[in-house]
Amino acid sequence: MHDPARIISVAFALCGFAVSIIAGLAAGRAAFETLAYAMLALVVCRMVGGVVTSIGWSVVREHVDRFKAENPVPEALPIAPHVGMNVDKR
């Protein structure tokens, strides 16, 4: 399974890049300047997103582990076959 913190941080970085491109174009900046700021936003948002989602994911895992420890799944009880039930395993 992929690391959710990594996936979320990359999505956060792409959102920062897209917002920076749209803001640069809306402000009428030059294409090179807009792309330069968008690349900077991509890198910064990736780092910030990585830190924030790693912390969040570890908190979620900690809560799930504690919940599992406090609420164990009971063992399945064997069911006796009732009259007329075919128990032959051929």
PDB file of N, CA and C in Angstrom:
ATOM      1  N   MET A   1       0.835  -1.174   0.000  1.00  0.00           N
ATOM      2  CA  MET A   1       0.000   0.000   0.000  1.00  0.00           C
ATOM      3  C   MET A   1       0.883   1.241   0.000  1.00  0.00           C
ATOM      4  N   HIS A   2       0.440   2.235  -0.725  1.00  0.00           N
ATOM      5  CA  HIS A   2       1.190   3.481  -0.772  1.00  0.00           C
ATOM      6  C   HIS A   2       1.005   4.254   0.525  1.00  0.00           C
ATOM      7  N   ASP A   3       1.997   5.068   0.835  1.00  0.00           N
ATOM      8  CA  ASP A   3       1.943   5.877   2.049  1.00  0.00           C
ATOM      9  C   ASP A   3       0.969   7.042   1.833  1.00  0.00           C
ATOM     10  N   PRO A   4      -0.124   7.086   2.586  1.00  0.00           N
ATOM     11  CA  PRO A   4      -1.103   8.167   2.403  1.00  0.00           C
ATOM     12  C   PRO A   4      -0.518   9.552   2.644  1.00  0.00           C
ATOM     13  N   ALA A   5       0.433   9.669   3.559  1.00  0.00           N
ATOM     14  CA  ALA A   5       1.039  10.971   3.822  1.00  0.00           C
ATOM     15  C   ALA A   5       1.755  11.488   2.582  1.00  0.00           C
ATOM     16  N   ARG A   6       2.403  10.603   1.878  1.00  0.00           N
ATOM     17  CA  ARG A   6       3.114  11.015   0.659  1.00  0.00           C
ATOM     18  C   ARG A   6       2.134  11.418  -0.443  1.00  0.00           C
ATOM     19  N   ILE A   7       1.075  10.669  -0.600  1.00  0.00           N
ATOM     20  CA  ILE A   7       0.082  10.973  -1.631  1.00  0.00           C
ATOM     21  C   ILE A   7      -0.596  12.307  -1.348  1.00  0.00           C
ATOM     22  N   ILE A   8      -0.967  12.536  -0.096  1.00  0.00           N
ATOM     23  CA  ILE A   8      -1.640  13.782   0.258  1.00  0.00           C
ATOM     24  C   ILE A   8      -0.695  14.970   0.096  1.00  0.00           C
ATOM     25  N   SER A   9       0.574  14.811   0.463  1.00  0.00           N
ATOM     26  CA  SER A   9       1.520  15.918   0.330  1.00  0.00           C
ATOM     27  C   SER A   9       1.767  16.272  -1.137  1.00  0.00           C
ATOM     28  N   VAL A  10       1.782  15.292  -2.009  1.00  0.00           N
ATOM     29  CA  VAL A  10       1.945  15.571  -3.436  1.00  0.00           C
ATOM     30  C   VAL A  10       0.702  16.281  -3.977  1.00  0.00           C
ATOM     31  N   ALA A  11      -0.473  15.858  -3.543  1.00  0.00           N
ATOM     32  CA  ALA A  11      -1.698  16.545  -3.956  1.00  0.00           C
ATOM     33  C   ALA A  11      -1.705  17.989  -3.456  1.00  0.00           C
ATOM     34  N   PHE A  12      -1.235  18.194  -2.236  1.00  0.00           N
ATOM     35  CA  PHE A  12      -1.132  19.544  -1.682  1.00  0.00           C
ATOM     36  C   PHE A  12      -0.180  20.391  -2.519  1.00  0.00           C
ATOM     37  N   ALA A  13       0.948  19.815  -2.924  1.00  0.00           N
ATOM     38  CA  ALA A  13       1.923  20.534  -3.745  1.00  0.00           C
ATOM     39  C   ALA A  13       1.340  20.904  -5.102  1.00  0.00           C
ATOM     40  N   LEU A  14       0.610  19.976  -5.714  1.00  0.00           N
ATOM     41  CA  LEU A  14       0.002  20.270  -7.022  1.00  0.00           C
ATOM     42  C   LEU A  14      -1.067  21.356  -6.913  1.00  0.00           C
ATOM     43  N   CYS A  15      -1.792  21.363  -5.813  1.00  0.00           N
ATOM     44  CA  CYS A  15      -2.784  22.435  -5.599  1.00  0.00           C
ATOM     45  C   CYS A  15      -2.088  23.775  -5.449  1.00  0.00           C
ATOM     46  N   GLY A  16      -0.989  23.811  -4.718  1.00  0.00           N
ATOM     47  CA  GLY A  16      -0.222  25.054  -4.582  1.00  0.00           C
ATOM     48  C   GLY A  16       0.313  25.529  -5.914  1.00  0.00           C
ATOM     49  N   PHE A  17       0.781  24.605  -6.739  1.00  0.00           N
ATOM     50  CA  PHE A  17       1.269  24.945  -8.079  1.00  0.00           C
ATOM     51  C   PHE A  17       0.142  25.529  -8.937  1.00  0.00           C
ATOM     52  N   ALA A  18      -1.017  24.869  -8.913  1.00  0.00           N
ATOM     53  CA  ALA A  18      -2.147  25.331  -9.726  1.00  0.00           C
ATOM     54  C   ALA A  18      -2.629  26.706  -9.280  1.00  0.00           C
ATOM     55  N   VAL A  19      -2.721  26.911  -7.986  1.00  0.00           N
ATOM     56  CA  VAL A  19      -3.160  28.211  -7.472  1.00  0.00           C
ATOM     57  C   VAL A  19      -2.165  29.297  -7.851  1.00  0.00           C
ATOM     58  N   SER A  20      -0.886  28.983  -7.777  1.00  0.00           N
ATOM     59  CA  SER A  20       0.142  29.956  -8.135  1.00  0.00           C
ATOM     60  C   SER A  20       0.084  30.312  -9.623  1.00  0.00           C
ATOM     61  N   ILE A  21      -0.136  29.323 -10.471  1.00  0.00           N
ATOM     62  CA  ILE A  21      -0.265  29.582 -11.920  1.00  0.00           C
ATOM     63  C   ILE A  21      -1.480  30.471 -12.185  1.00  0.00           C
ATOM     64  N   ILE A  22      -2.608  30.112 -11.603  1.00  0.00           N
ATOM     65  CA  ILE A  22      -3.843  30.883 -11.835  1.00  0.00           C
ATOM     66  C   ILE A  22      -3.694  32.308 -11.312  1.00  0.00           C
ATOM     67  N   ALA A  23      -3.104  32.459 -10.126  1.00  0.00           N
ATOM     68  CA  ALA A  23      -2.918  33.803  -9.560  1.00  0.00           C
ATOM     69  C   ALA A  23      -1.959  34.628 -10.400  1.00  0.00           C
ATOM     70  N   GLY A  24      -0.901  34.000 -10.883  1.00  0.00           N
ATOM     71  CA  GLY A  24       0.064  34.719 -11.725  1.00  0.00           C
ATOM     72  C   GLY A  24      -0.547  35.172 -13.039  1.00  0.00           C
ATOM     73  N   LEU A  25      -1.331  34.291 -13.656  1.00  0.00           N
ATOM     74  CA  LEU A  25      -1.980  34.659 -14.918  1.00  0.00           C
ATOM     75  C   LEU A  25      -3.039  35.737 -14.701  1.00  0.00           C
ATOM     76  N   ALA A  26      -3.777  35.636 -13.598  1.00  0.00           N
ATOM     77  CA  ALA A  26      -4.813  36.624 -13.306  1.00  0.00           C
ATOM     78  C   ALA A  26      -4.201  37.986 -13.002  1.00  0.00           C
ATOM     79  N   ALA A  27      -3.000  37.998 -12.426  1.00  0.00           N
ATOM     80  CA  ALA A  27      -2.334  39.261 -12.100  1.00  0.00           C
ATOM     81  C   ALA A  27      -1.618  39.859 -13.303  1.00  0.00           C
ATOM     82  N   GLY A  28      -1.520  39.099 -14.391  1.00  0.00           N
ATOM     83  CA  GLY A  28      -0.881  39.605 -15.603  1.00  0.00           C
ATOM     84  C   GLY A  28       0.635  39.578 -15.561  1.00  0.00           C
ATOM     85  N   ARG A  29       1.210  38.704 -14.764  1.00  0.00           N
ATOM     86  CA  ARG A  29       2.668  38.588 -14.696  1.00  0.00           C
ATOM     87  C   ARG A  29       3.203  37.891 -15.941  1.00  0.00           C
ATOM     88  N   ALA A  30       4.503  38.029 -16.148  1.00  0.00           N
ATOM     89  CA  ALA A  30       5.166  37.368 -17.273  1.00  0.00           C
ATOM     90  C   ALA A  30       5.141  35.855 -17.054  1.00  0.00           C
ATOM     91  N   ALA A  31       5.180  35.109 -18.147  1.00  0.00           N
ATOM     92  CA  ALA A  31       5.083  33.649 -18.066  1.00  0.00           C
ATOM     93  C   ALA A  31       6.243  33.052 -17.266  1.00  0.00           C
ATOM     94  N   PHE A  32       7.476  33.544 -17.505  1.00  0.00           N
ATOM     95  CA  PHE A  32       8.631  33.002 -16.791  1.00  0.00           C
ATOM     96  C   PHE A  32       8.522  33.263 -15.297  1.00  0.00           C
ATOM     97  N   GLU A  33       8.124  34.483 -14.937  1.00  0.00           N
ATOM     98  CA  GLU A  33       7.981  34.830 -13.523  1.00  0.00           C
ATOM     99  C   GLU A  33       6.889  33.981 -12.856  1.00  0.00           C
ATOM    100  N   THR A  34       5.787  33.781 -13.567  1.00  0.00           N
ATOM    101  CA  THR A  34       4.685  32.968 -13.043  1.00  0.00           C
ATOM    102  C   THR A  34       5.134  31.531 -12.823  1.00  0.00           C
ATOM    103  N   LEU A  35       5.841  30.964 -13.793  1.00  0.00           N
ATOM    104  CA  LEU A  35       6.325  29.593 -13.652  1.00  0.00           C
ATOM    105  C   LEU A  35       7.371  29.462 -12.554  1.00  0.00           C
ATOM    106  N   ALA A  36       8.218  30.463 -12.404  1.00  0.00           N
ATOM    107  CA  ALA A  36       9.237  30.421 -11.352  1.00  0.00           C
ATOM    108  C   ALA A  36       8.574  30.403  -9.977  1.00  0.00           C
ATOM    109  N   TYR A  37       7.595  31.281  -9.769  1.00  0.00           N
ATOM    110  CA  TYR A  37       6.888  31.290  -8.489  1.00  0.00           C
ATOM    111  C   TYR A  37       6.062  30.014  -8.292  1.00  0.00           C
ATOM    112  N   ALA A  38       5.515  29.484  -9.370  1.00  0.00           N
ATOM    113  CA  ALA A  38       4.741  28.249  -9.259  1.00  0.00           C
ATOM    114  C   ALA A  38       5.638  27.080  -8.866  1.00  0.00           C
ATOM    115  N   MET A  39       6.836  27.014  -9.415  1.00  0.00           N
ATOM    116  CA  MET A  39       7.776  25.950  -9.042  1.00  0.00           C
ATOM    117  C   MET A  39       8.211  26.094  -7.577  1.00  0.00           C
ATOM    118  N   LEU A  40       8.420  27.329  -7.160  1.00  0.00           N
ATOM    119  CA  LEU A  40       8.764  27.565  -5.755  1.00  0.00           C
ATOM    120  C   LEU A  40       7.609  27.132  -4.844  1.00  0.00           C
ATOM    121  N   ALA A  41       6.387  27.469  -5.244  1.00  0.00           N
ATOM    122  CA  ALA A  41       5.212  27.065  -4.463  1.00  0.00           C
ATOM    123  C   ALA A  41       5.084  25.549  -4.430  1.00  0.00           C
ATOM    124  N   LEU A  42       5.393  24.883  -5.528  1.00  0.00           N
ATOM    125  CA  LEU A  42       5.338  23.427  -5.598  1.00  0.00           C
ATOM    126  C   LEU A  42       6.278  22.796  -4.575  1.00  0.00           C
ATOM    127  N   VAL A  43       7.507  23.279  -4.516  1.00  0.00           N
ATOM    128  CA  VAL A  43       8.499  22.718  -3.601  1.00  0.00           C
ATOM    129  C   VAL A  43       8.122  22.999  -2.144  1.00  0.00           C
ATOM    130  N   VAL A  44       7.738  24.245  -1.871  1.00  0.00           N
ATOM    131  CA  VAL A  44       7.401  24.609  -0.487  1.00  0.00           C
ATOM    132  C   VAL A  44       6.160  23.858  -0.016  1.00  0.00           C
ATOM    133  N   CYS A  45       5.142  23.793  -0.863  1.00  0.00           N
ATOM    134  CA  CYS A  45       3.916  23.080  -0.471  1.00  0.00           C
ATOM    135  C   CYS A  45       4.169  21.592  -0.292  1.00  0.00           C
ATOM    136  N   ARG A  46       5.076  21.017  -1.062  1.00  0.00           N
ATOM    137  CA  ARG A  46       5.410  19.595  -0.906  1.00  0.00           C
ATOM    138  C   ARG A  46       6.068  19.340   0.440  1.00  0.00           C
ATOM    139  N   MET A  47       6.987  20.238   0.834  1.00  0.00           N
ATOM    140  CA  MET A  47       7.666  20.058   2.118  1.00  0.00           C
ATOM    141  C   MET A  47       6.697  20.266   3.286  1.00  0.00           C
ATOM    142  N   VAL A  48       5.927  21.329   3.223  1.00  0.00           N
ATOM    143  CA  VAL A  48       4.971  21.604   4.300  1.00  0.00           C
ATOM    144  C   VAL A  48       3.910  20.500   4.359  1.00  0.00           C
ATOM    145  N   GLY A  49       3.404  20.108   3.202  1.00  0.00           N
ATOM    146  CA  GLY A  49       2.408  19.040   3.155  1.00  0.00           C
ATOM    147  C   GLY A  49       2.955  17.724   3.672  1.00  0.00           C
ATOM    148  N   GLY A  50       4.211  17.429   3.385  1.00  0.00           N
ATOM    149  CA  GLY A  50       4.823  16.200   3.878  1.00  0.00           C
ATOM    150  C   GLY A  50       4.913  16.163   5.393  1.00  0.00           C
ATOM    151  N   VAL A  51       5.299  17.267   5.983  1.00  0.00           N
ATOM    152  CA  VAL A  51       5.405  17.335   7.441  1.00  0.00           C
ATOM    153  C   VAL A  51       4.028  17.227   8.090  1.00  0.00           C
ATOM    154  N   VAL A  52       3.089  18.023   7.589  1.00  0.00           N
ATOM    155  CA  VAL A  52       1.751  18.051   8.191  1.00  0.00           C
ATOM    156  C   VAL A  52       1.044  16.704   8.041  1.00  0.00           C
ATOM    157  N   THR A  53       1.109  16.095   6.865  1.00  0.00           N
ATOM    158  CA  THR A  53       0.412  14.826   6.679  1.00  0.00           C
ATOM    159  C   THR A  53       1.106  13.672   7.402  1.00  0.00           C
ATOM    160  N   SER A  54       2.418  13.722   7.565  1.00  0.00           N
ATOM    161  CA  SER A  54       3.104  12.686   8.340  1.00  0.00           C
ATOM    162  C   SER A  54       2.667  12.734   9.795  1.00  0.00           C
ATOM    163  N   ILE A  55       2.561  13.927  10.334  1.00  0.00           N
ATOM    164  CA  ILE A  55       2.090  14.076  11.711  1.00  0.00           C
ATOM    165  C   ILE A  55       0.649  13.600  11.819  1.00  0.00           C
ATOM    166  N   GLY A  56      -0.189  14.025  10.887  1.00  0.00           N
ATOM    167  CA  GLY A  56      -1.592  13.612  10.916  1.00  0.00           C
ATOM    168  C   GLY A  56      -1.761  12.117  10.770  1.00  0.00           C
ATOM    169  N   TRP A  57      -1.013  11.501   9.879  1.00  0.00           N
ATOM    170  CA  TRP A  57      -1.132  10.061   9.659  1.00  0.00           C
ATOM    171  C   TRP A  57      -0.667   9.277  10.881  1.00  0.00           C
ATOM    172  N   SER A  58       0.392   9.758  11.551  1.00  0.00           N
ATOM    173  CA  SER A  58       0.845   9.049  12.757  1.00  0.00           C
ATOM    174  C   SER A  58      -0.189   9.165  13.873  1.00  0.00           C
ATOM    175  N   VAL A  59      -0.876  10.302  13.966  1.00  0.00           N
ATOM    176  CA  VAL A  59      -1.936  10.460  14.971  1.00  0.00           C
ATOM    177  C   VAL A  59      -3.093   9.507  14.671  1.00  0.00           C
ATOM    178  N   VAL A  60      -3.465   9.394  13.408  1.00  0.00           N
ATOM    179  CA  VAL A  60      -4.551   8.481  13.028  1.00  0.00           C
ATOM    180  C   VAL A  60      -4.177   7.037  13.351  1.00  0.00           C
ATOM    181  N   ARG A  61      -2.964   6.629  12.990  1.00  0.00           N
ATOM    182  CA  ARG A  61      -2.526   5.262  13.289  1.00  0.00           C
ATOM    183  C   ARG A  61      -2.510   4.990  14.790  1.00  0.00           C
ATOM    184  N   GLU A  62      -2.076   5.971  15.568  1.00  0.00           N
ATOM    185  CA  GLU A  62      -2.046   5.812  17.022  1.00  0.00           C
ATOM    186  C   GLU A  62      -3.453   5.616  17.578  1.00  0.00           C
ATOM    187  N   HIS A  63      -4.407   6.387  17.086  1.00  0.00           N
ATOM    188  CA  HIS A  63      -5.785   6.243  17.556  1.00  0.00           C
ATOM    189  C   HIS A  63      -6.384   4.905  17.130  1.00  0.00           C
ATOM    190  N   VAL A  64      -6.107   4.464  15.931  1.00  0.00           N
ATOM    191  CA  VAL A  64      -6.628   3.173  15.469  1.00  0.00           C
ATOM    192  C   VAL A  64      -6.027   2.035  16.294  1.00  0.00           C
ATOM    193  N   ASP A  65      -4.731   2.091  16.555  1.00  0.00           N
ATOM    194  CA  ASP A  65      -4.094   1.053  17.370  1.00  0.00           C
ATOM    195  C   ASP A  65      -4.668   1.023  18.782  1.00  0.00           C
ATOM    196  N   ARG A  66      -4.896   2.203  19.369  1.00  0.00           N
ATOM    197  CA  ARG A  66      -5.478   2.254  20.712  1.00  0.00           C
ATOM    198  C   ARG A  66      -6.902   1.723  20.705  1.00  0.00           C
ATOM    199  N   PHE A  67      -7.679   2.060  19.671  1.00  0.00           N
ATOM    200  CA  PHE A  67      -9.051   1.563  19.574  1.00  0.00           C
ATOM    201  C   PHE A  67      -9.064   0.047  19.457  1.00  0.00           C
ATOM    202  N   LYS A  68      -8.172  -0.508  18.635  1.00  0.00           N
ATOM    203  CA  LYS A  68      -8.102  -1.961  18.486  1.00  0.00           C
ATOM    204  C   LYS A  68      -7.708  -2.639  19.796  1.00  0.00           C
ATOM    205  N   ALA A  69      -6.813  -2.012  20.552  1.00  0.00           N
ATOM    206  CA  ALA A  69      -6.393  -2.590  21.829  1.00  0.00           C
ATOM    207  C   ALA A  69      -7.526  -2.539  22.855  1.00  0.00           C
ATOM    208  N   GLU A  70      -8.312  -1.475  22.846  1.00  0.00           N
ATOM    209  CA  GLU A  70      -9.403  -1.333  23.807  1.00  0.00           C
ATOM    210  C   GLU A  70     -10.652  -2.117  23.414  1.00  0.00           C
ATOM    211  N   ASN A  71     -10.811  -2.430  22.133  1.00  0.00           N
ATOM    212  CA  ASN A  71     -12.002  -3.120  21.636  1.00  0.00           C
ATOM    213  C   ASN A  71     -11.601  -4.334  20.801  1.00  0.00           C
ATOM    214  N   PRO A  72     -11.077  -5.377  21.446  1.00  0.00           N
ATOM    215  CA  PRO A  72     -10.643  -6.543  20.666  1.00  0.00           C
ATOM    216  C   PRO A  72     -11.843  -7.272  20.050  1.00  0.00           C
ATOM    217  N   VAL A  73     -11.603  -7.901  18.938  1.00  0.00           N
ATOM    218  CA  VAL A  73     -12.631  -8.692  18.267  1.00  0.00           C
ATOM    219  C   VAL A  73     -12.723 -10.033  18.979  1.00  0.00           C
ATOM    220  N   PRO A  74     -13.913 -10.416  19.450  1.00  0.00           N
ATOM    221  CA  PRO A  74     -14.021 -11.694  20.168  1.00  0.00           C
ATOM    222  C   PRO A  74     -13.783 -12.870  19.219  1.00  0.00           C
ATOM    223  N   GLU A  75     -13.319 -13.960  19.813  1.00  0.00           N
ATOM    224  CA  GLU A  75     -13.093 -15.168  19.030  1.00  0.00           C
ATOM    225  C   GLU A  75     -14.427 -15.719  18.540  1.00  0.00           C
ATOM    226  N   ALA A  76     -14.421 -16.290  17.376  1.00  0.00           N
ATOM    227  CA  ALA A  76     -15.642 -16.872  16.814  1.00  0.00           C
ATOM    228  C   ALA A  76     -15.962 -18.172  17.554  1.00  0.00           C
ATOM    229  N   LEU A  77     -17.197 -18.328  17.940  1.00  0.00           N
ATOM    230  CA  LEU A  77     -17.627 -19.544  18.621  1.00  0.00           C
ATOM    231  C   LEU A  77     -17.998 -20.588  17.574  1.00  0.00           C
ATOM    232  N   PRO A  78     -17.578 -21.821  17.793  1.00  0.00           N
ATOM    233  CA  PRO A  78     -17.965 -22.859  16.827  1.00  0.00           C
ATOM    234  C   PRO A  78     -19.472 -23.108  16.899  1.00  0.00           C
ATOM    235  N   ILE A  79     -20.056 -23.301  15.766  1.00  0.00           N
ATOM    236  CA  ILE A  79     -21.501 -23.557  15.691  1.00  0.00           C
ATOM    237  C   ILE A  79     -21.726 -25.043  15.505  1.00  0.00           C
ATOM    238  N   ALA A  80     -22.546 -25.610  16.378  1.00  0.00           N
ATOM    239  CA  ALA A  80     -22.865 -27.038  16.274  1.00  0.00           C
ATOM    240  C   ALA A  80     -23.808 -27.227  15.092  1.00  0.00           C
ATOM    241  N   PRO A  81     -23.584 -28.260  14.291  1.00  0.00           N
ATOM    242  CA  PRO A  81     -24.483 -28.487  13.157  1.00  0.00           C
ATOM    243  C   PRO A  81     -25.879 -28.857  13.643  1.00  0.00           C
ATOM    244  N   HIS A  82     -26.872 -28.338  12.949  1.00  0.00           N
ATOM    245  CA  HIS A  82     -28.249 -28.655  13.334  1.00  0.00           C
ATOM    246  C   HIS A  82     -28.741 -29.877  12.559  1.00  0.00           C
ATOM    247  N   VAL A  83     -29.868 -30.365  12.946  1.00  0.00           N
ATOM    248  CA  VAL A  83     -30.426 -31.570  12.340  1.00  0.00           C
ATOM    249  C   VAL A  83     -30.702 -31.308  10.865  1.00  0.00           C
ATOM    250  N   GLY A  84     -30.262 -32.215  10.032  1.00  0.00           N
ATOM    251  CA  GLY A  84     -30.518 -32.106   8.603  1.00  0.00           C
ATOM    252  C   GLY A  84     -29.420 -31.352   7.854  1.00  0.00           C
ATOM    253  N   MET A  85     -28.403 -30.850   8.567  1.00  0.00           N
ATOM    254  CA  MET A  85     -27.323 -30.113   7.926  1.00  0.00           C
ATOM    255  C   MET A  85     -26.293 -31.098   7.402  1.00  0.00           C
ATOM    256  N   ASN A  86     -25.870 -30.923   6.173  1.00  0.00           N
ATOM    257  CA  ASN A  86     -24.905 -31.806   5.563  1.00  0.00           C
ATOM    258  C   ASN A  86     -23.503 -31.334   5.967  1.00  0.00           C
ATOM    259  N   VAL A  87     -22.805 -32.125   6.774  1.00  0.00           N
ATOM    260  CA  VAL A  87     -21.475 -31.777   7.245  1.00  0.00           C
ATOM    261  C   VAL A  87     -20.397 -32.589   6.546  1.00  0.00           C
ATOM    262  N   ASP A  88     -20.778 -33.377   5.573  1.00  0.00           N
ATOM    263  CA  ASP A  88     -19.826 -34.192   4.820  1.00  0.00           C
ATOM    264  C   ASP A  88     -19.038 -33.257   3.908  1.00  0.00           C
ATOM    265  N   LYS A  89     -17.700 -33.305   3.982  1.00  0.00           N
ATOM    266  CA  LYS A  89     -16.853 -32.378   3.216  1.00  0.00           C
ATOM    267  C   LYS A  89     -16.214 -33.064   2.026  1.00  0.00           C
ATOM    268  N   ARG A  90     -16.989 -33.811   1.269  1.00  0.00           N
ATOM    269  CA  ARG A  90     -16.446 -34.482   0.087  1.00  0.00           C
ATOM    270  C   ARG A  90     -16.544 -33.627  -1.114  1.00  0.00           C
TER     271      ARG A  90
END
